[in-house]
N, C-alpha and C. Protein backbone atom coordinates (compact mmCIF):
# COMPACT_ATOMS: atom_id res chain seq x y z
N MET A 1 22.38 38.15 -25.39
CA MET A 1 22.08 36.90 -24.74
C MET A 1 22.01 37.10 -23.22
N ILE A 2 22.99 37.83 -22.66
CA ILE A 2 23.01 38.07 -21.22
C ILE A 2 21.83 38.94 -20.82
N ASP A 3 21.49 39.97 -21.65
CA ASP A 3 20.34 40.82 -21.34
C ASP A 3 19.05 40.00 -21.32
N ALA A 4 18.89 39.10 -22.26
CA ALA A 4 17.68 38.27 -22.31
C ALA A 4 17.59 37.40 -21.07
N SER A 5 18.72 36.85 -20.60
CA SER A 5 18.73 36.02 -19.40
C SER A 5 18.37 36.84 -18.17
N ARG A 6 18.91 38.07 -18.10
CA ARG A 6 18.59 38.93 -16.96
C ARG A 6 17.11 39.30 -16.93
N ARG A 7 16.54 39.59 -18.12
CA ARG A 7 15.12 39.93 -18.17
C ARG A 7 14.27 38.75 -17.72
N LEU A 8 14.64 37.54 -18.16
CA LEU A 8 13.91 36.35 -17.78
C LEU A 8 13.99 36.13 -16.27
N LEU A 9 15.18 36.33 -15.70
CA LEU A 9 15.38 36.18 -14.27
C LEU A 9 14.57 37.22 -13.50
N SER A 10 14.55 38.46 -13.99
CA SER A 10 13.78 39.53 -13.33
C SER A 10 12.29 39.20 -13.36
N ALA A 11 11.82 38.69 -14.48
CA ALA A 11 10.40 38.35 -14.59
C ALA A 11 10.06 37.22 -13.62
N ALA A 12 10.94 36.24 -13.50
CA ALA A 12 10.70 35.13 -12.57
C ALA A 12 10.71 35.63 -11.14
N ALA A 13 11.65 36.53 -10.80
CA ALA A 13 11.72 37.07 -9.44
C ALA A 13 10.48 37.89 -9.12
N ALA A 14 9.98 38.63 -10.10
CA ALA A 14 8.80 39.45 -9.87
C ALA A 14 7.58 38.57 -9.58
N MET A 15 7.54 37.39 -10.20
CA MET A 15 6.42 36.50 -9.97
C MET A 15 6.43 35.96 -8.54
N LEU A 16 7.58 35.88 -7.92
CA LEU A 16 7.68 35.39 -6.56
C LEU A 16 7.15 36.39 -5.54
N PHE A 17 7.14 37.64 -5.90
CA PHE A 17 6.75 38.68 -4.96
C PHE A 17 5.41 39.31 -5.33
N VAL A 18 4.47 38.51 -5.79
CA VAL A 18 3.14 38.99 -6.14
C VAL A 18 2.37 39.29 -4.86
N VAL A 19 1.77 40.45 -4.80
CA VAL A 19 0.98 40.84 -3.65
C VAL A 19 -0.42 40.27 -3.83
N PRO A 20 -0.93 39.55 -2.80
CA PRO A 20 -2.26 38.96 -2.96
C PRO A 20 -3.33 40.03 -3.09
N LEU A 21 -4.35 39.72 -3.89
CA LEU A 21 -5.48 40.62 -4.04
C LEU A 21 -6.26 40.65 -2.74
N THR A 22 -6.76 41.82 -2.41
CA THR A 22 -7.53 41.91 -1.18
C THR A 22 -8.91 42.45 -1.48
N GLY A 23 -9.82 42.06 -0.65
CA GLY A 23 -11.19 42.53 -0.77
C GLY A 23 -11.43 43.62 0.25
N ALA A 24 -12.66 43.81 0.62
CA ALA A 24 -13.03 44.83 1.59
C ALA A 24 -12.35 44.55 2.92
N GLY A 25 -11.84 45.58 3.53
CA GLY A 25 -11.22 45.45 4.84
C GLY A 25 -9.81 44.87 4.78
N GLY A 26 -9.21 44.77 3.61
CA GLY A 26 -7.85 44.29 3.49
C GLY A 26 -7.71 42.77 3.61
N LEU A 27 -8.82 42.04 3.67
CA LEU A 27 -8.75 40.58 3.76
C LEU A 27 -8.61 39.99 2.38
N PRO A 28 -7.94 38.84 2.28
CA PRO A 28 -7.80 38.21 0.96
C PRO A 28 -9.16 37.86 0.38
N GLU A 29 -9.28 38.00 -0.94
CA GLU A 29 -10.53 37.64 -1.62
C GLU A 29 -10.73 36.14 -1.51
N ALA A 30 -11.99 35.76 -1.56
CA ALA A 30 -12.31 34.34 -1.48
C ALA A 30 -11.71 33.60 -2.67
N VAL A 31 -11.13 32.46 -2.39
CA VAL A 31 -10.57 31.62 -3.43
C VAL A 31 -11.55 30.49 -3.66
N THR A 32 -11.90 30.30 -4.90
CA THR A 32 -12.82 29.20 -5.20
C THR A 32 -12.02 27.94 -5.44
N GLU A 33 -12.48 26.87 -4.87
CA GLU A 33 -11.81 25.57 -5.02
C GLU A 33 -12.21 24.96 -6.35
N PRO A 34 -11.29 24.23 -7.00
CA PRO A 34 -11.68 23.55 -8.23
C PRO A 34 -12.70 22.47 -7.91
N PRO A 35 -13.53 22.11 -8.87
CA PRO A 35 -14.53 21.07 -8.61
C PRO A 35 -13.85 19.76 -8.22
N VAL A 36 -14.46 19.02 -7.33
CA VAL A 36 -13.91 17.75 -6.87
C VAL A 36 -14.29 16.66 -7.85
N ASP A 37 -13.29 15.89 -8.27
CA ASP A 37 -13.52 14.75 -9.15
C ASP A 37 -14.02 13.60 -8.29
N ALA A 38 -15.21 13.11 -8.56
CA ALA A 38 -15.82 12.05 -7.75
C ALA A 38 -14.95 10.80 -7.71
N ALA A 39 -14.19 10.53 -8.77
CA ALA A 39 -13.35 9.33 -8.81
C ALA A 39 -12.16 9.44 -7.85
N SER A 40 -11.78 10.67 -7.48
CA SER A 40 -10.61 10.83 -6.62
C SER A 40 -10.95 10.84 -5.14
N VAL A 41 -12.24 10.84 -4.81
CA VAL A 41 -12.65 10.87 -3.41
C VAL A 41 -12.49 9.47 -2.81
N VAL A 42 -11.85 9.40 -1.65
CA VAL A 42 -11.66 8.12 -0.97
C VAL A 42 -12.78 7.95 0.03
N SER A 43 -13.49 6.83 -0.07
CA SER A 43 -14.59 6.61 0.87
C SER A 43 -14.09 5.78 2.04
N ALA A 44 -14.90 5.70 3.06
CA ALA A 44 -14.54 4.94 4.26
C ALA A 44 -14.46 3.45 3.95
N ASP A 45 -15.09 3.02 2.85
CA ASP A 45 -15.08 1.61 2.47
C ASP A 45 -13.83 1.22 1.69
N ASP A 46 -13.04 2.20 1.25
CA ASP A 46 -11.83 1.91 0.49
C ASP A 46 -10.77 1.32 1.40
N PRO A 47 -10.01 0.33 0.90
CA PRO A 47 -8.97 -0.26 1.74
C PRO A 47 -7.81 0.71 1.94
N THR A 48 -7.15 0.59 3.08
CA THR A 48 -5.96 1.38 3.38
C THR A 48 -4.77 0.69 2.75
N GLU A 49 -3.99 1.43 1.98
CA GLU A 49 -2.79 0.87 1.36
C GLU A 49 -1.71 0.70 2.43
N VAL A 50 -1.15 -0.50 2.51
CA VAL A 50 -0.13 -0.81 3.51
C VAL A 50 1.13 -1.25 2.79
N GLY A 51 2.25 -0.66 3.17
CA GLY A 51 3.53 -1.02 2.57
C GLY A 51 4.32 -1.98 3.45
N TRP A 52 5.32 -2.58 2.85
CA TRP A 52 6.14 -3.57 3.56
C TRP A 52 6.97 -2.95 4.68
N ARG A 53 7.32 -1.69 4.54
CA ARG A 53 8.09 -1.02 5.60
C ARG A 53 7.25 -0.95 6.89
N LEU A 54 5.97 -0.68 6.75
CA LEU A 54 5.08 -0.64 7.92
C LEU A 54 4.94 -2.04 8.51
N LEU A 55 4.76 -3.06 7.68
CA LEU A 55 4.66 -4.43 8.18
C LEU A 55 5.94 -4.83 8.92
N ALA A 56 7.08 -4.37 8.43
CA ALA A 56 8.36 -4.70 9.05
C ALA A 56 8.50 -4.11 10.45
N SER A 57 7.62 -3.17 10.81
CA SER A 57 7.70 -2.58 12.15
C SER A 57 7.19 -3.53 13.24
N LEU A 58 6.59 -4.66 12.84
CA LEU A 58 6.19 -5.67 13.82
C LEU A 58 7.44 -6.34 14.38
N ASN A 59 7.60 -6.31 15.68
CA ASN A 59 8.70 -7.05 16.32
C ASN A 59 8.19 -8.48 16.51
N TYR A 60 8.57 -9.35 15.61
CA TYR A 60 8.02 -10.72 15.63
C TYR A 60 8.58 -11.54 16.78
N ARG A 61 9.61 -11.08 17.45
CA ARG A 61 10.13 -11.80 18.62
C ARG A 61 9.29 -11.51 19.86
N THR A 62 8.84 -10.27 20.00
CA THR A 62 8.07 -9.88 21.18
C THR A 62 6.58 -9.70 20.89
N GLY A 63 6.22 -9.55 19.61
CA GLY A 63 4.84 -9.30 19.24
C GLY A 63 4.44 -7.84 19.32
N GLU A 64 5.39 -6.96 19.67
CA GLU A 64 5.09 -5.53 19.80
C GLU A 64 4.88 -4.89 18.43
N THR A 65 3.87 -4.01 18.37
CA THR A 65 3.60 -3.25 17.15
C THR A 65 3.57 -1.77 17.49
N GLY A 66 3.86 -0.96 16.50
CA GLY A 66 3.71 0.47 16.67
C GLY A 66 2.24 0.83 16.58
N GLU A 67 1.89 2.06 16.94
CA GLU A 67 0.50 2.50 16.93
C GLU A 67 -0.11 2.44 15.54
N GLU A 68 0.66 2.86 14.53
CA GLU A 68 0.14 2.90 13.16
C GLU A 68 -0.22 1.49 12.68
N LEU A 69 0.64 0.52 12.93
CA LEU A 69 0.37 -0.85 12.53
C LEU A 69 -0.77 -1.46 13.35
N ALA A 70 -0.75 -1.25 14.64
CA ALA A 70 -1.80 -1.79 15.52
C ALA A 70 -3.18 -1.27 15.13
N ALA A 71 -3.26 -0.03 14.65
CA ALA A 71 -4.54 0.57 14.26
C ALA A 71 -5.14 -0.12 13.04
N LEU A 72 -4.35 -0.87 12.29
CA LEU A 72 -4.84 -1.54 11.09
C LEU A 72 -5.42 -2.92 11.35
N ALA A 73 -5.22 -3.45 12.55
CA ALA A 73 -5.73 -4.78 12.88
C ALA A 73 -7.25 -4.79 12.76
N GLY A 74 -7.77 -5.76 12.00
CA GLY A 74 -9.21 -5.88 11.79
C GLY A 74 -9.77 -4.95 10.73
N LYS A 75 -8.91 -4.20 10.05
CA LYS A 75 -9.34 -3.23 9.04
C LYS A 75 -9.13 -3.77 7.63
N LEU A 76 -9.86 -3.21 6.69
CA LEU A 76 -9.71 -3.54 5.28
C LEU A 76 -8.46 -2.84 4.75
N VAL A 77 -7.53 -3.62 4.21
CA VAL A 77 -6.27 -3.09 3.69
C VAL A 77 -6.02 -3.63 2.29
N LYS A 78 -5.03 -3.03 1.63
CA LYS A 78 -4.53 -3.60 0.39
C LYS A 78 -3.00 -3.52 0.44
N ILE A 79 -2.38 -4.65 0.06
CA ILE A 79 -0.93 -4.78 0.14
C ILE A 79 -0.42 -5.28 -1.20
N PRO A 80 0.64 -4.66 -1.74
CA PRO A 80 1.23 -5.17 -2.97
C PRO A 80 2.22 -6.28 -2.64
N GLY A 81 2.40 -7.19 -3.57
CA GLY A 81 3.39 -8.23 -3.34
C GLY A 81 3.32 -9.31 -4.40
N PHE A 82 3.95 -10.44 -4.08
CA PHE A 82 4.02 -11.58 -4.99
C PHE A 82 3.42 -12.79 -4.29
N THR A 83 2.71 -13.61 -5.05
CA THR A 83 2.04 -14.77 -4.48
C THR A 83 2.96 -15.97 -4.45
N VAL A 84 2.86 -16.74 -3.38
CA VAL A 84 3.57 -18.02 -3.26
C VAL A 84 2.53 -19.05 -2.85
N PRO A 85 2.19 -19.98 -3.77
CA PRO A 85 1.19 -20.99 -3.43
C PRO A 85 1.71 -21.92 -2.34
N LEU A 86 0.83 -22.39 -1.51
CA LEU A 86 1.23 -23.33 -0.46
C LEU A 86 1.17 -24.78 -0.96
N GLU A 87 0.65 -24.96 -2.17
CA GLU A 87 0.67 -26.26 -2.83
C GLU A 87 1.58 -26.13 -4.04
N ASP A 88 2.44 -27.11 -4.28
CA ASP A 88 3.33 -27.05 -5.42
C ASP A 88 2.56 -26.96 -6.73
N TRP A 89 2.99 -26.07 -7.60
CA TRP A 89 2.50 -25.93 -8.97
C TRP A 89 1.03 -25.53 -9.06
N ALA A 90 0.48 -24.96 -8.04
CA ALA A 90 -0.92 -24.55 -8.09
C ALA A 90 -1.07 -23.32 -9.00
N SER A 91 -2.08 -23.34 -9.87
CA SER A 91 -2.32 -22.18 -10.74
C SER A 91 -3.36 -21.23 -10.13
N SER A 92 -4.13 -21.73 -9.16
CA SER A 92 -5.03 -20.88 -8.39
C SER A 92 -5.12 -21.50 -6.99
N ALA A 93 -5.49 -20.68 -6.03
CA ALA A 93 -5.49 -21.18 -4.65
C ALA A 93 -6.48 -20.42 -3.79
N THR A 94 -6.87 -21.06 -2.71
CA THR A 94 -7.72 -20.41 -1.72
C THR A 94 -6.88 -19.92 -0.55
N GLU A 95 -5.64 -20.41 -0.46
CA GLU A 95 -4.70 -19.92 0.55
C GLU A 95 -3.30 -19.91 -0.04
N PHE A 96 -2.55 -18.85 0.33
CA PHE A 96 -1.20 -18.66 -0.20
C PHE A 96 -0.48 -17.64 0.66
N LEU A 97 0.79 -17.43 0.37
CA LEU A 97 1.56 -16.40 1.05
C LEU A 97 1.74 -15.21 0.13
N LEU A 98 1.77 -14.03 0.70
CA LEU A 98 2.12 -12.81 -0.01
C LEU A 98 3.48 -12.40 0.50
N VAL A 99 4.41 -12.15 -0.42
CA VAL A 99 5.79 -11.82 -0.06
C VAL A 99 6.21 -10.53 -0.77
N PRO A 100 7.24 -9.84 -0.25
CA PRO A 100 7.61 -8.54 -0.80
C PRO A 100 8.43 -8.58 -2.09
N TYR A 101 9.03 -9.72 -2.42
CA TYR A 101 9.84 -9.77 -3.64
C TYR A 101 9.66 -11.12 -4.31
N VAL A 102 9.87 -11.13 -5.61
CA VAL A 102 9.65 -12.33 -6.40
C VAL A 102 10.62 -13.43 -5.97
N GLY A 103 10.09 -14.64 -5.85
CA GLY A 103 10.93 -15.78 -5.51
C GLY A 103 11.16 -16.00 -4.03
N ALA A 104 10.64 -15.14 -3.18
CA ALA A 104 10.83 -15.33 -1.74
C ALA A 104 10.21 -16.67 -1.34
N CYS A 105 10.86 -17.39 -0.46
CA CYS A 105 10.39 -18.68 0.06
C CYS A 105 10.69 -19.85 -0.87
N ILE A 106 11.04 -19.58 -2.10
CA ILE A 106 11.29 -20.67 -3.04
C ILE A 106 12.79 -20.73 -3.31
N HIS A 107 13.42 -21.81 -2.93
CA HIS A 107 14.85 -22.04 -3.14
C HIS A 107 15.74 -21.13 -2.30
N THR A 108 15.17 -20.35 -1.41
CA THR A 108 15.97 -19.47 -0.55
C THR A 108 15.38 -19.52 0.85
N PRO A 109 16.15 -19.12 1.84
CA PRO A 109 15.52 -19.01 3.17
C PRO A 109 14.37 -18.00 3.09
N PRO A 110 13.28 -18.27 3.80
CA PRO A 110 12.14 -17.34 3.74
C PRO A 110 12.48 -16.02 4.44
N PRO A 111 11.75 -14.97 4.08
CA PRO A 111 11.89 -13.70 4.79
C PRO A 111 11.45 -13.88 6.24
N PRO A 112 11.76 -12.91 7.11
CA PRO A 112 11.30 -12.99 8.49
C PRO A 112 9.76 -12.91 8.55
N PRO A 113 9.17 -13.34 9.66
CA PRO A 113 7.70 -13.35 9.79
C PRO A 113 7.03 -12.00 9.53
N ASN A 114 7.72 -10.89 9.81
CA ASN A 114 7.10 -9.58 9.59
C ASN A 114 7.14 -9.17 8.11
N GLN A 115 7.61 -10.06 7.25
CA GLN A 115 7.62 -9.82 5.82
C GLN A 115 6.88 -10.93 5.06
N LEU A 116 6.02 -11.65 5.77
CA LEU A 116 5.19 -12.70 5.19
C LEU A 116 3.74 -12.49 5.62
N VAL A 117 2.82 -12.62 4.67
CA VAL A 117 1.40 -12.48 4.97
C VAL A 117 0.70 -13.74 4.47
N TYR A 118 0.01 -14.42 5.38
CA TYR A 118 -0.77 -15.60 5.03
C TYR A 118 -2.14 -15.14 4.57
N ILE A 119 -2.52 -15.51 3.35
CA ILE A 119 -3.80 -15.10 2.79
C ILE A 119 -4.72 -16.32 2.73
N GLN A 120 -5.90 -16.19 3.28
CA GLN A 120 -6.94 -17.19 3.11
C GLN A 120 -8.12 -16.46 2.49
N MET A 121 -8.47 -16.85 1.28
CA MET A 121 -9.53 -16.16 0.55
C MET A 121 -10.88 -16.40 1.21
N ASP A 122 -11.78 -15.42 1.06
CA ASP A 122 -13.16 -15.57 1.52
C ASP A 122 -13.75 -16.83 0.91
N ALA A 123 -14.75 -17.38 1.55
CA ALA A 123 -15.40 -18.61 1.09
C ALA A 123 -15.79 -18.50 -0.37
N GLY A 124 -15.44 -19.52 -1.13
CA GLY A 124 -15.81 -19.58 -2.54
C GLY A 124 -14.93 -18.79 -3.48
N LYS A 125 -13.94 -18.06 -2.98
CA LYS A 125 -13.07 -17.25 -3.84
C LYS A 125 -11.73 -17.94 -4.01
N ARG A 126 -11.16 -17.81 -5.21
CA ARG A 126 -9.83 -18.33 -5.52
C ARG A 126 -9.02 -17.20 -6.13
N ALA A 127 -7.72 -17.28 -5.95
CA ALA A 127 -6.81 -16.29 -6.53
C ALA A 127 -5.89 -16.99 -7.52
N THR A 128 -5.63 -16.35 -8.65
CA THR A 128 -4.68 -16.87 -9.63
C THR A 128 -3.27 -16.72 -9.07
N MET A 129 -2.50 -17.79 -9.19
CA MET A 129 -1.12 -17.78 -8.70
C MET A 129 -0.17 -17.52 -9.86
N ASP A 130 0.40 -16.33 -9.89
CA ASP A 130 1.41 -15.97 -10.88
C ASP A 130 2.52 -15.28 -10.11
N GLY A 131 3.41 -16.06 -9.54
CA GLY A 131 4.45 -15.53 -8.67
C GLY A 131 5.44 -14.59 -9.31
N TRP A 132 5.41 -14.48 -10.64
CA TRP A 132 6.37 -13.61 -11.33
C TRP A 132 5.86 -12.19 -11.49
N ASN A 133 4.58 -11.98 -11.32
CA ASN A 133 4.00 -10.65 -11.51
C ASN A 133 3.38 -10.16 -10.20
N PRO A 134 3.61 -8.89 -9.87
CA PRO A 134 3.07 -8.36 -8.62
C PRO A 134 1.56 -8.21 -8.67
N VAL A 135 0.95 -8.31 -7.49
CA VAL A 135 -0.50 -8.18 -7.35
C VAL A 135 -0.81 -7.28 -6.16
N TRP A 136 -2.05 -6.85 -6.11
CA TRP A 136 -2.61 -6.23 -4.91
C TRP A 136 -3.49 -7.28 -4.26
N VAL A 137 -3.42 -7.39 -2.96
CA VAL A 137 -4.34 -8.25 -2.21
C VAL A 137 -5.13 -7.33 -1.29
N GLU A 138 -6.44 -7.42 -1.38
CA GLU A 138 -7.32 -6.65 -0.50
C GLU A 138 -8.02 -7.61 0.45
N GLY A 139 -8.11 -7.23 1.71
CA GLY A 139 -8.80 -8.03 2.69
C GLY A 139 -8.61 -7.48 4.08
N VAL A 140 -9.12 -8.21 5.06
CA VAL A 140 -9.05 -7.78 6.46
C VAL A 140 -7.77 -8.32 7.08
N LEU A 141 -6.98 -7.40 7.62
CA LEU A 141 -5.67 -7.71 8.20
C LEU A 141 -5.78 -8.08 9.67
N GLU A 142 -5.08 -9.13 10.05
CA GLU A 142 -4.92 -9.50 11.47
C GLU A 142 -3.43 -9.65 11.73
N ILE A 143 -3.00 -9.19 12.88
CA ILE A 143 -1.60 -9.31 13.28
C ILE A 143 -1.52 -10.49 14.23
N GLU A 144 -1.08 -11.60 13.69
CA GLU A 144 -1.01 -12.82 14.49
C GLU A 144 0.03 -13.76 13.91
N MET A 145 0.76 -14.42 14.75
CA MET A 145 1.79 -15.35 14.34
C MET A 145 1.14 -16.69 14.01
N THR A 146 1.31 -17.16 12.78
CA THR A 146 0.82 -18.46 12.36
C THR A 146 1.97 -19.20 11.70
N GLN A 147 1.81 -20.49 11.53
CA GLN A 147 2.87 -21.28 10.92
C GLN A 147 2.42 -21.80 9.56
N SER A 148 3.33 -21.72 8.60
CA SER A 148 3.06 -22.24 7.26
C SER A 148 4.15 -23.25 6.93
N VAL A 149 4.07 -23.83 5.74
CA VAL A 149 5.11 -24.78 5.33
C VAL A 149 6.46 -24.09 5.18
N TYR A 150 6.47 -22.77 5.09
CA TYR A 150 7.71 -22.01 4.95
C TYR A 150 8.18 -21.41 6.27
N GLY A 151 7.50 -21.68 7.35
CA GLY A 151 7.89 -21.13 8.64
C GLY A 151 6.82 -20.22 9.21
N TYR A 152 7.21 -19.41 10.17
CA TYR A 152 6.25 -18.52 10.83
C TYR A 152 5.94 -17.31 9.98
N VAL A 153 4.68 -16.88 10.08
CA VAL A 153 4.15 -15.75 9.34
C VAL A 153 3.55 -14.79 10.35
N GLY A 154 3.82 -13.48 10.20
CA GLY A 154 3.37 -12.49 11.18
C GLY A 154 1.99 -11.93 10.97
N PHE A 155 1.39 -12.13 9.78
CA PHE A 155 0.11 -11.50 9.47
C PHE A 155 -0.79 -12.48 8.74
N THR A 156 -2.08 -12.31 8.89
CA THR A 156 -3.05 -13.05 8.09
C THR A 156 -4.03 -12.04 7.49
N ILE A 157 -4.52 -12.38 6.33
CA ILE A 157 -5.54 -11.57 5.66
C ILE A 157 -6.62 -12.51 5.17
N THR A 158 -7.85 -12.14 5.44
CA THR A 158 -8.98 -12.82 4.82
C THR A 158 -9.17 -12.11 3.49
N GLY A 159 -8.73 -12.78 2.41
CA GLY A 159 -8.68 -12.15 1.10
C GLY A 159 -10.05 -11.96 0.47
N GLN A 160 -10.29 -10.74 0.01
CA GLN A 160 -11.54 -10.44 -0.67
C GLN A 160 -11.32 -10.26 -2.16
N ARG A 161 -10.11 -9.80 -2.51
CA ARG A 161 -9.83 -9.49 -3.92
C ARG A 161 -8.33 -9.55 -4.16
N VAL A 162 -7.94 -10.17 -5.29
CA VAL A 162 -6.54 -10.21 -5.74
C VAL A 162 -6.55 -9.77 -7.19
N TYR A 163 -5.73 -8.77 -7.53
CA TYR A 163 -5.73 -8.25 -8.90
C TYR A 163 -4.34 -7.73 -9.24
N PRO A 164 -4.02 -7.60 -10.55
CA PRO A 164 -2.69 -7.18 -10.97
C PRO A 164 -2.31 -5.82 -10.38
N TYR A 165 -1.04 -5.68 -10.05
CA TYR A 165 -0.52 -4.46 -9.42
C TYR A 165 -0.76 -3.22 -10.26
N GLY A 166 -0.67 -3.31 -11.55
CA GLY A 166 -0.84 -2.14 -12.42
C GLY A 166 -2.28 -1.67 -12.55
N SER A 167 -3.23 -2.39 -11.98
CA SER A 167 -4.65 -2.02 -12.13
C SER A 167 -5.04 -0.93 -11.17
């Protein structure tokens, strides 16, 4: 049993010290890249995924943003979160809040402005309100303080698409 373990260990160690193959002149041989899957290529039109930690970097008292957050202003982004309708019991809406956790703003003090996103859907579009299930919201991000029925909000998005988080 011990001999078998030692042989296995020796074989593993030998694999770590493999000498690269060389071509003419001692240079490494050309390595061919695997074919690129067209579905995995990100185009310039794809939204930038933005997390709540980055949004939290907005100093909502002074309005100061870091470079990474400031660079997203006016850009197409997608943010995960939970919907909070601005009208009671709405099943779909043209405007709503996006929050980082289920139940935010309802029966509890709202999160700070840098953790609230006001969404106004593009003309003619509505989003289904299901506050219990996470969604992705895609749209153009603006960093601006606005007021909602739940207090101040640090961001607005002109919503282009809302879809389930698992999609």
